[in-house]
């Protein structure tokens, strides 16, 4: 998929899913503490997911023409700031 807008949305969806799992890992009910228990496996998986989302965005949110990294923030990326070409089509 070469559309950087869709790749950025996918990256943010994966990122927020990882953050949610990180939160759930620190609020996992256990026998000792049914309210604020910890699940180290869930915390580890969530850290891997957050790192994977960052790698996804650094590899996929690029200009289809010059292959430069585009803004990962929620800026409008219709035009590449480096080559000034439209990022919707090649």
PDB file of N, CA and C in Angstrom:
ATOM      1  N   UNK A   1       0.857  -1.172   0.000  1.00  0.00           N
ATOM      2  CA  UNK A   1       0.000   0.000   0.000  1.00  0.00           C
ATOM      3  C   UNK A   1       0.902   1.234   0.000  1.00  0.00           C
ATOM      4  N   UNK A   2       0.735   2.105  -0.963  1.00  0.00           N
ATOM      5  CA  UNK A   2       1.606   3.260  -1.118  1.00  0.00           C
ATOM      6  C   UNK A   2       1.004   4.566  -0.626  1.00  0.00           C
ATOM      7  N   UNK A   3      -0.257   4.568  -0.182  1.00  0.00           N
ATOM      8  CA  UNK A   3      -0.879   5.805   0.261  1.00  0.00           C
ATOM      9  C   UNK A   3      -0.394   6.134   1.678  1.00  0.00           C
ATOM     10  N   UNK A   4       0.367   7.214   1.859  1.00  0.00           N
ATOM     11  CA  UNK A   4       0.915   7.515   3.182  1.00  0.00           C
ATOM     12  C   UNK A   4      -0.152   7.907   4.207  1.00  0.00           C
ATOM     13  N   UNK A   5      -1.279   8.441   3.743  1.00  0.00           N
ATOM     14  CA  UNK A   5      -2.350   8.799   4.682  1.00  0.00           C
ATOM     15  C   UNK A   5      -2.949   7.560   5.331  1.00  0.00           C
ATOM     16  N   UNK A   6      -3.226   6.550   4.526  1.00  0.00           N
ATOM     17  CA  UNK A   6      -3.799   5.306   5.055  1.00  0.00           C
ATOM     18  C   UNK A   6      -2.779   4.593   5.938  1.00  0.00           C
ATOM     19  N   UNK A   7      -1.516   4.599   5.524  1.00  0.00           N
ATOM     20  CA  UNK A   7      -0.481   3.965   6.337  1.00  0.00           C
ATOM     21  C   UNK A   7      -0.316   4.669   7.683  1.00  0.00           C
ATOM     22  N   UNK A   8      -0.471   5.976   7.704  1.00  0.00           N
ATOM     23  CA  UNK A   8      -0.383   6.711   8.969  1.00  0.00           C
ATOM     24  C   UNK A   8      -1.575   6.374   9.861  1.00  0.00           C
ATOM     25  N   UNK A   9      -2.766   6.250   9.301  1.00  0.00           N
ATOM     26  CA  UNK A   9      -3.952   5.878  10.087  1.00  0.00           C
ATOM     27  C   UNK A   9      -3.787   4.468  10.652  1.00  0.00           C
ATOM     28  N   UNK A  10      -3.275   3.547   9.828  1.00  0.00           N
ATOM     29  CA  UNK A  10      -3.025   2.184  10.305  1.00  0.00           C
ATOM     30  C   UNK A  10      -2.005   2.198  11.439  1.00  0.00           C
ATOM     31  N   UNK A  11      -0.951   2.977  11.290  1.00  0.00           N
ATOM     32  CA  UNK A  11       0.069   3.072  12.328  1.00  0.00           C
ATOM     33  C   UNK A  11      -0.475   3.617  13.632  1.00  0.00           C
ATOM     34  N   UNK A  12      -1.312   4.641  13.552  1.00  0.00           N
ATOM     35  CA  UNK A  12      -1.913   5.185  14.776  1.00  0.00           C
ATOM     36  C   UNK A  12      -2.901   4.217  15.402  1.00  0.00           C
ATOM     37  N   UNK A  13      -3.636   3.464  14.601  1.00  0.00           N
ATOM     38  CA  UNK A  13      -4.561   2.471  15.152  1.00  0.00           C
ATOM     39  C   UNK A  13      -3.792   1.389  15.906  1.00  0.00           C
ATOM     40  N   UNK A  14      -2.680   0.924  15.328  1.00  0.00           N
ATOM     41  CA  UNK A  14      -1.851  -0.066  16.013  1.00  0.00           C
ATOM     42  C   UNK A  14      -1.258   0.529  17.281  1.00  0.00           C
ATOM     43  N   UNK A  15      -0.829   1.781  17.223  1.00  0.00           N
ATOM     44  CA  UNK A  15      -0.242   2.456  18.382  1.00  0.00           C
ATOM     45  C   UNK A  15      -1.236   2.560  19.537  1.00  0.00           C
ATOM     46  N   UNK A  16      -2.450   2.987  19.242  1.00  0.00           N
ATOM     47  CA  UNK A  16      -3.443   3.140  20.306  1.00  0.00           C
ATOM     48  C   UNK A  16      -3.913   1.789  20.838  1.00  0.00           C
ATOM     49  N   UNK A  17      -3.927   0.765  19.994  1.00  0.00           N
ATOM     50  CA  UNK A  17      -4.228  -0.578  20.490  1.00  0.00           C
ATOM     51  C   UNK A  17      -3.151  -1.032  21.464  1.00  0.00           C
ATOM     52  N   UNK A  18      -1.892  -0.737  21.164  1.00  0.00           N
ATOM     53  CA  UNK A  18      -0.803  -1.068  22.073  1.00  0.00           C
ATOM     54  C   UNK A  18      -0.892  -0.312  23.382  1.00  0.00           C
ATOM     55  N   UNK A  19      -1.273   0.964  23.309  1.00  0.00           N
ATOM     56  CA  UNK A  19      -1.432   1.735  24.547  1.00  0.00           C
ATOM     57  C   UNK A  19      -2.576   1.195  25.398  1.00  0.00           C
ATOM     58  N   UNK A  20      -3.654   0.771  24.746  1.00  0.00           N
ATOM     59  CA  UNK A  20      -4.770   0.198  25.494  1.00  0.00           C
ATOM     60  C   UNK A  20      -4.348  -1.096  26.180  1.00  0.00           C
ATOM     61  N   UNK A  21      -3.592  -1.946  25.474  1.00  0.00           N
ATOM     62  CA  UNK A  21      -3.117  -3.183  26.086  1.00  0.00           C
ATOM     63  C   UNK A  21      -2.133  -2.899  27.222  1.00  0.00           C
ATOM     64  N   UNK A  22      -1.348  -1.850  27.092  1.00  0.00           N
ATOM     65  CA  UNK A  22      -0.434  -1.455  28.166  1.00  0.00           C
ATOM     66  C   UNK A  22      -1.222  -1.053  29.410  1.00  0.00           C
ATOM     67  N   UNK A  23      -2.272  -0.287  29.208  1.00  0.00           N
ATOM     68  CA  UNK A  23      -3.147   0.098  30.319  1.00  0.00           C
ATOM     69  C   UNK A  23      -3.779  -1.140  30.963  1.00  0.00           C
ATOM     70  N   UNK A  24      -4.299  -2.050  30.132  1.00  0.00           N
ATOM     71  CA  UNK A  24      -4.924  -3.265  30.665  1.00  0.00           C
ATOM     72  C   UNK A  24      -3.912  -4.153  31.387  1.00  0.00           C
ATOM     73  N   UNK A  25      -2.661  -4.118  30.958  1.00  0.00           N
ATOM     74  CA  UNK A  25      -1.628  -4.910  31.618  1.00  0.00           C
ATOM     75  C   UNK A  25      -1.359  -4.450  33.042  1.00  0.00           C
ATOM     76  N   UNK A  26      -1.519  -3.166  33.293  1.00  0.00           N
ATOM     77  CA  UNK A  26      -1.322  -2.644  34.644  1.00  0.00           C
ATOM     78  C   UNK A  26      -2.593  -2.657  35.483  1.00  0.00           C
ATOM     79  N   UNK A  27      -3.710  -2.986  34.894  1.00  0.00           N
ATOM     80  CA  UNK A  27      -4.975  -3.087  35.620  1.00  0.00           C
ATOM     81  C   UNK A  27      -5.608  -4.455  35.404  1.00  0.00           C
ATOM     82  N   UNK A  28      -4.778  -5.477  35.415  1.00  0.00           N
ATOM     83  CA  UNK A  28      -5.226  -6.846  35.188  1.00  0.00           C
ATOM     84  C   UNK A  28      -5.633  -7.458  36.530  1.00  0.00           C
ATOM     85  N   UNK A  29      -6.850  -7.969  36.662  1.00  0.00           N
ATOM     86  CA  UNK A  29      -7.270  -8.529  37.951  1.00  0.00           C
ATOM     87  C   UNK A  29      -6.534  -9.838  38.277  1.00  0.00           C
ATOM     88  N   UNK A  30      -5.969  -9.899  39.459  1.00  0.00           N
ATOM     89  CA  UNK A  30      -5.300 -11.104  39.945  1.00  0.00           C
ATOM     90  C   UNK A  30      -5.887 -11.494  41.292  1.00  0.00           C
ATOM     91  N   UNK A  31      -5.457 -12.631  41.818  1.00  0.00           N
ATOM     92  CA  UNK A  31      -5.942 -13.076  43.128  1.00  0.00           C
ATOM     93  C   UNK A  31      -5.489 -12.131  44.234  1.00  0.00           C
ATOM     94  N   UNK A  32      -4.236 -11.651  44.155  1.00  0.00           N
ATOM     95  CA  UNK A  32      -3.706 -10.778  45.204  1.00  0.00           C
ATOM     96  C   UNK A  32      -4.348  -9.402  45.182  1.00  0.00           C
ATOM     97  N   UNK A  33      -4.547  -8.866  43.999  1.00  0.00           N
ATOM     98  CA  UNK A  33      -5.111  -7.520  43.860  1.00  0.00           C
ATOM     99  C   UNK A  33      -6.111  -7.534  42.704  1.00  0.00           C
ATOM    100  N   UNK A  34      -7.416  -7.673  42.995  1.00  0.00           N
ATOM    101  CA  UNK A  34      -8.398  -7.777  41.903  1.00  0.00           C
ATOM    102  C   UNK A  34      -8.640  -6.470  41.151  1.00  0.00           C
ATOM    103  N   UNK A  35      -8.092  -5.352  41.650  1.00  0.00           N
ATOM    104  CA  UNK A  35      -8.318  -4.066  40.989  1.00  0.00           C
ATOM    105  C   UNK A  35      -7.103  -3.631  40.179  1.00  0.00           C
ATOM    106  N   UNK A  36      -5.933  -3.651  40.772  1.00  0.00           N
ATOM    107  CA  UNK A  36      -4.738  -3.105  40.116  1.00  0.00           C
ATOM    108  C   UNK A  36      -3.618  -4.135  40.014  1.00  0.00           C
ATOM    109  N   UNK A  37      -3.913  -5.329  39.572  1.00  0.00           N
ATOM    110  CA  UNK A  37      -2.872  -6.329  39.387  1.00  0.00           C
ATOM    111  C   UNK A  37      -2.035  -6.030  38.157  1.00  0.00           C
ATOM    112  N   UNK A  38      -0.948  -6.768  37.989  1.00  0.00           N
ATOM    113  CA  UNK A  38      -0.068  -6.574  36.846  1.00  0.00           C
ATOM    114  C   UNK A  38       0.049  -7.872  36.067  1.00  0.00           C
ATOM    115  N   UNK A  39       0.067  -7.762  34.763  1.00  0.00           N
ATOM    116  CA  UNK A  39       0.275  -8.902  33.888  1.00  0.00           C
ATOM    117  C   UNK A  39       1.491  -8.595  33.020  1.00  0.00           C
ATOM    118  N   UNK A  40       2.673  -9.115  33.383  1.00  0.00           N
ATOM    119  CA  UNK A  40       3.888  -8.768  32.635  1.00  0.00           C
ATOM    120  C   UNK A  40       3.865  -9.250  31.189  1.00  0.00           C
ATOM    121  N   UNK A  41       3.166 -10.323  30.895  1.00  0.00           N
ATOM    122  CA  UNK A  41       3.088 -10.804  29.513  1.00  0.00           C
ATOM    123  C   UNK A  41       2.317  -9.808  28.653  1.00  0.00           C
ATOM    124  N   UNK A  42       1.198  -9.317  29.153  1.00  0.00           N
ATOM    125  CA  UNK A  42       0.400  -8.338  28.417  1.00  0.00           C
ATOM    126  C   UNK A  42       1.163  -7.027  28.256  1.00  0.00           C
ATOM    127  N   UNK A  43       1.903  -6.637  29.278  1.00  0.00           N
ATOM    128  CA  UNK A  43       2.710  -5.415  29.195  1.00  0.00           C
ATOM    129  C   UNK A  43       3.802  -5.572  28.140  1.00  0.00           C
ATOM    130  N   UNK A  44       4.454  -6.736  28.117  1.00  0.00           N
ATOM    131  CA  UNK A  44       5.493  -6.987  27.110  1.00  0.00           C
ATOM    132  C   UNK A  44       4.946  -6.992  25.699  1.00  0.00           C
ATOM    133  N   UNK A  45       3.793  -7.616  25.505  1.00  0.00           N
ATOM    134  CA  UNK A  45       3.162  -7.637  24.181  1.00  0.00           C
ATOM    135  C   UNK A  45       2.794  -6.228  23.743  1.00  0.00           C
ATOM    136  N   UNK A  46       2.301  -5.424  24.670  1.00  0.00           N
ATOM    137  CA  UNK A  46       1.907  -4.056  24.316  1.00  0.00           C
ATOM    138  C   UNK A  46       3.116  -3.214  23.933  1.00  0.00           C
ATOM    139  N   UNK A  47       4.246  -3.413  24.609  1.00  0.00           N
ATOM    140  CA  UNK A  47       5.459  -2.671  24.248  1.00  0.00           C
ATOM    141  C   UNK A  47       5.922  -3.070  22.853  1.00  0.00           C
ATOM    142  N   UNK A  48       5.846  -4.348  22.532  1.00  0.00           N
ATOM    143  CA  UNK A  48       6.215  -4.815  21.190  1.00  0.00           C
ATOM    144  C   UNK A  48       5.285  -4.202  20.140  1.00  0.00           C
ATOM    145  N   UNK A  49       4.000  -4.112  20.442  1.00  0.00           N
ATOM    146  CA  UNK A  49       3.033  -3.536  19.497  1.00  0.00           C
ATOM    147  C   UNK A  49       3.307  -2.052  19.277  1.00  0.00           C
ATOM    148  N   UNK A  50       3.615  -1.310  20.333  1.00  0.00           N
ATOM    149  CA  UNK A  50       3.907   0.123  20.194  1.00  0.00           C
ATOM    150  C   UNK A  50       5.171   0.329  19.363  1.00  0.00           C
ATOM    151  N   UNK A  51       6.193  -0.479  19.603  1.00  0.00           N
ATOM    152  CA  UNK A  51       7.424  -0.365  18.810  1.00  0.00           C
ATOM    153  C   UNK A  51       7.146  -0.741  17.356  1.00  0.00           C
ATOM    154  N   UNK A  52       6.327  -1.756  17.127  1.00  0.00           N
ATOM    155  CA  UNK A  52       5.981  -2.148  15.757  1.00  0.00           C
ATOM    156  C   UNK A  52       5.226  -1.040  15.032  1.00  0.00           C
ATOM    157  N   UNK A  53       4.370  -0.314  15.752  1.00  0.00           N
ATOM    158  CA  UNK A  53       3.650   0.782  15.096  1.00  0.00           C
ATOM    159  C   UNK A  53       4.604   1.907  14.712  1.00  0.00           C
ATOM    160  N   UNK A  54       5.596   2.178  15.553  1.00  0.00           N
ATOM    161  CA  UNK A  54       6.575   3.209  15.212  1.00  0.00           C
ATOM    162  C   UNK A  54       7.397   2.798  13.995  1.00  0.00           C
ATOM    163  N   UNK A  55       7.812   1.544  13.956  1.00  0.00           N
ATOM    164  CA  UNK A  55       8.567   1.047  12.801  1.00  0.00           C
ATOM    165  C   UNK A  55       7.711   1.103  11.540  1.00  0.00           C
ATOM    166  N   UNK A  56       6.438   0.706  11.656  1.00  0.00           N
ATOM    167  CA  UNK A  56       5.512   0.757  10.518  1.00  0.00           C
ATOM    168  C   UNK A  56       5.423   2.183   9.962  1.00  0.00           C
ATOM    169  N   UNK A  57       5.256   3.155  10.860  1.00  0.00           N
ATOM    170  CA  UNK A  57       5.093   4.524  10.380  1.00  0.00           C
ATOM    171  C   UNK A  57       6.391   5.061   9.780  1.00  0.00           C
ATOM    172  N   UNK A  58       7.547   4.722  10.349  1.00  0.00           N
ATOM    173  CA  UNK A  58       8.806   5.191   9.773  1.00  0.00           C
ATOM    174  C   UNK A  58       9.092   4.555   8.420  1.00  0.00           C
ATOM    175  N   UNK A  59       8.622   3.347   8.202  1.00  0.00           N
ATOM    176  CA  UNK A  59       8.867   2.679   6.927  1.00  0.00           C
ATOM    177  C   UNK A  59       7.818   2.995   5.863  1.00  0.00           C
ATOM    178  N   UNK A  60       6.572   3.241   6.269  1.00  0.00           N
ATOM    179  CA  UNK A  60       5.479   3.340   5.299  1.00  0.00           C
ATOM    180  C   UNK A  60       4.946   4.749   5.048  1.00  0.00           C
ATOM    181  N   UNK A  61       5.149   5.674   5.968  1.00  0.00           N
ATOM    182  CA  UNK A  61       4.612   7.028   5.775  1.00  0.00           C
ATOM    183  C   UNK A  61       5.682   7.853   5.061  1.00  0.00           C
ATOM    184  N   UNK A  62       5.817   7.577   3.784  1.00  0.00           N
ATOM    185  CA  UNK A  62       6.832   8.231   2.965  1.00  0.00           C
ATOM    186  C   UNK A  62       6.211   8.736   1.670  1.00  0.00           C
ATOM    187  N   UNK A  63       6.861   9.712   1.097  1.00  0.00           N
ATOM    188  CA  UNK A  63       6.409  10.256  -0.180  1.00  0.00           C
ATOM    189  C   UNK A  63       6.582   9.186  -1.257  1.00  0.00           C
ATOM    190  N   UNK A  64       5.556   8.952  -2.087  1.00  0.00           N
ATOM    191  CA  UNK A  64       5.699   7.944  -3.146  1.00  0.00           C
ATOM    192  C   UNK A  64       6.652   8.370  -4.256  1.00  0.00           C
ATOM    193  N   UNK A  65       7.046   9.643  -4.291  1.00  0.00           N
ATOM    194  CA  UNK A  65       7.921  10.131  -5.365  1.00  0.00           C
ATOM    195  C   UNK A  65       9.385  10.169  -4.936  1.00  0.00           C
ATOM    196  N   UNK A  66       9.671  10.814  -3.800  1.00  0.00           N
ATOM    197  CA  UNK A  66      11.063  10.988  -3.382  1.00  0.00           C
ATOM    198  C   UNK A  66      11.445  10.096  -2.199  1.00  0.00           C
ATOM    199  N   UNK A  67      10.493   9.372  -1.644  1.00  0.00           N
ATOM    200  CA  UNK A  67      10.703   8.416  -0.551  1.00  0.00           C
ATOM    201  C   UNK A  67      11.202   9.082   0.735  1.00  0.00           C
ATOM    202  N   UNK A  68      10.921  10.351   0.918  1.00  0.00           N
ATOM    203  CA  UNK A  68      11.267  11.045   2.161  1.00  0.00           C
ATOM    204  C   UNK A  68      10.178  10.802   3.197  1.00  0.00           C
ATOM    205  N   UNK A  69      10.581  10.768   4.460  1.00  0.00           N
ATOM    206  CA  UNK A  69       9.632  10.573   5.551  1.00  0.00           C
ATOM    207  C   UNK A  69       8.726  11.798   5.667  1.00  0.00           C
ATOM    208  N   UNK A  70       7.421  11.563   5.679  1.00  0.00           N
ATOM    209  CA  UNK A  70       6.454  12.642   5.827  1.00  0.00           C
ATOM    210  C   UNK A  70       6.139  12.843   7.305  1.00  0.00           C
ATOM    211  N   UNK A  71       5.409  13.910   7.614  1.00  0.00           N
ATOM    212  CA  UNK A  71       5.064  14.213   8.996  1.00  0.00           C
ATOM    213  C   UNK A  71       4.230  13.079   9.586  1.00  0.00           C
ATOM    214  N   UNK A  72       4.603  12.646  10.785  1.00  0.00           N
ATOM    215  CA  UNK A  72       3.835  11.614  11.467  1.00  0.00           C
ATOM    216  C   UNK A  72       2.743  12.222  12.334  1.00  0.00           C
ATOM    217  N   UNK A  73       2.815  13.523  12.557  1.00  0.00           N
ATOM    218  CA  UNK A  73       1.752  14.203  13.294  1.00  0.00           C
ATOM    219  C   UNK A  73       0.546  14.345  12.383  1.00  0.00           C
ATOM    220  N   UNK A  74      -0.526  14.844  12.917  1.00  0.00           N
ATOM    221  CA  UNK A  74      -1.764  14.924  12.148  1.00  0.00           C
ATOM    222  C   UNK A  74      -1.805  16.172  11.264  1.00  0.00           C
ATOM    223  N   UNK A  75      -0.726  16.393  10.537  1.00  0.00           N
ATOM    224  CA  UNK A  75      -0.685  17.460   9.543  1.00  0.00           C
ATOM    225  C   UNK A  75      -1.293  16.958   8.248  1.00  0.00           C
ATOM    226  N   UNK A  76      -1.671  17.891   7.390  1.00  0.00           N
ATOM    227  CA  UNK A  76      -2.137  17.534   6.062  1.00  0.00           C
ATOM    228  C   UNK A  76      -0.919  17.148   5.228  1.00  0.00           C
ATOM    229  N   UNK A  77      -0.930  15.955   4.678  1.00  0.00           N
ATOM    230  CA  UNK A  77       0.211  15.501   3.876  1.00  0.00           C
ATOM    231  C   UNK A  77      -0.216  15.276   2.424  1.00  0.00           C
ATOM    232  N   UNK A  78      -1.029  16.181   1.891  1.00  0.00           N
ATOM    233  CA  UNK A  78      -1.417  16.098   0.482  1.00  0.00           C
ATOM    234  C   UNK A  78      -0.244  16.405  -0.435  1.00  0.00           C
ATOM    235  N   UNK A  79       0.661  17.278   0.025  1.00  0.00           N
ATOM    236  CA  UNK A  79       1.812  17.682  -0.777  1.00  0.00           C
ATOM    237  C   UNK A  79       3.076  17.393   0.025  1.00  0.00           C
ATOM    238  N   UNK A  80       4.031  16.765  -0.605  1.00  0.00           N
ATOM    239  CA  UNK A  80       5.300  16.460   0.047  1.00  0.00           C
ATOM    240  C   UNK A  80       6.059  17.759   0.298  1.00  0.00           C
ATOM    241  N   UNK A  81       6.566  17.984   1.518  1.00  0.00           N
ATOM    242  CA  UNK A  81       7.313  19.224   1.782  1.00  0.00           C
ATOM    243  C   UNK A  81       8.692  19.223   1.133  1.00  0.00           C
ATOM    244  N   UNK A  82       9.160  18.096   0.611  1.00  0.00           N
ATOM    245  CA  UNK A  82      10.497  18.013   0.035  1.00  0.00           C
ATOM    246  C   UNK A  82      10.478  18.191  -1.481  1.00  0.00           C
ATOM    247  N   UNK A  83       9.632  17.419  -2.169  1.00  0.00           N
ATOM    248  CA  UNK A  83       9.608  17.505  -3.639  1.00  0.00           C
ATOM    249  C   UNK A  83       8.412  18.299  -4.158  1.00  0.00           C
ATOM    250  N   UNK A  84       7.500  18.683  -3.286  1.00  0.00           N
ATOM    251  CA  UNK A  84       6.328  19.499  -3.612  1.00  0.00           C
ATOM    252  C   UNK A  84       5.360  18.825  -4.591  1.00  0.00           C
ATOM    253  N   UNK A  85       5.356  17.487  -4.618  1.00  0.00           N
ATOM    254  CA  UNK A  85       4.437  16.761  -5.483  1.00  0.00           C
ATOM    255  C   UNK A  85       3.282  16.221  -4.661  1.00  0.00           C
ATOM    256  N   UNK A  86       2.191  15.910  -5.340  1.00  0.00           N
ATOM    257  CA  UNK A  86       1.022  15.374  -4.703  1.00  0.00           C
ATOM    258  C   UNK A  86       1.309  13.953  -4.193  1.00  0.00           C
ATOM    259  N   UNK A  87       0.924  13.659  -2.966  1.00  0.00           N
ATOM    260  CA  UNK A  87       1.218  12.347  -2.389  1.00  0.00           C
ATOM    261  C   UNK A  87       0.099  11.326  -2.633  1.00  0.00           C
ATOM    262  N   UNK A  88      -0.976  11.716  -3.281  1.00  0.00           N
ATOM    263  CA  UNK A  88      -2.089  10.792  -3.513  1.00  0.00           C
ATOM    264  C   UNK A  88      -1.810   9.813  -4.641  1.00  0.00           C
ATOM    265  N   UNK A  89      -1.090  10.212  -5.647  1.00  0.00           N
ATOM    266  CA  UNK A  89      -0.856   9.319  -6.783  1.00  0.00           C
ATOM    267  C   UNK A  89       0.594   9.417  -7.211  1.00  0.00           C
ATOM    268  N   UNK A  90       1.020   8.414  -7.929  1.00  0.00           N
ATOM    269  CA  UNK A  90       2.414   8.398  -8.374  1.00  0.00           C
ATOM    270  C   UNK A  90       2.557   8.821  -9.807  1.00  0.00           C
TER     271      UNK A  90
END
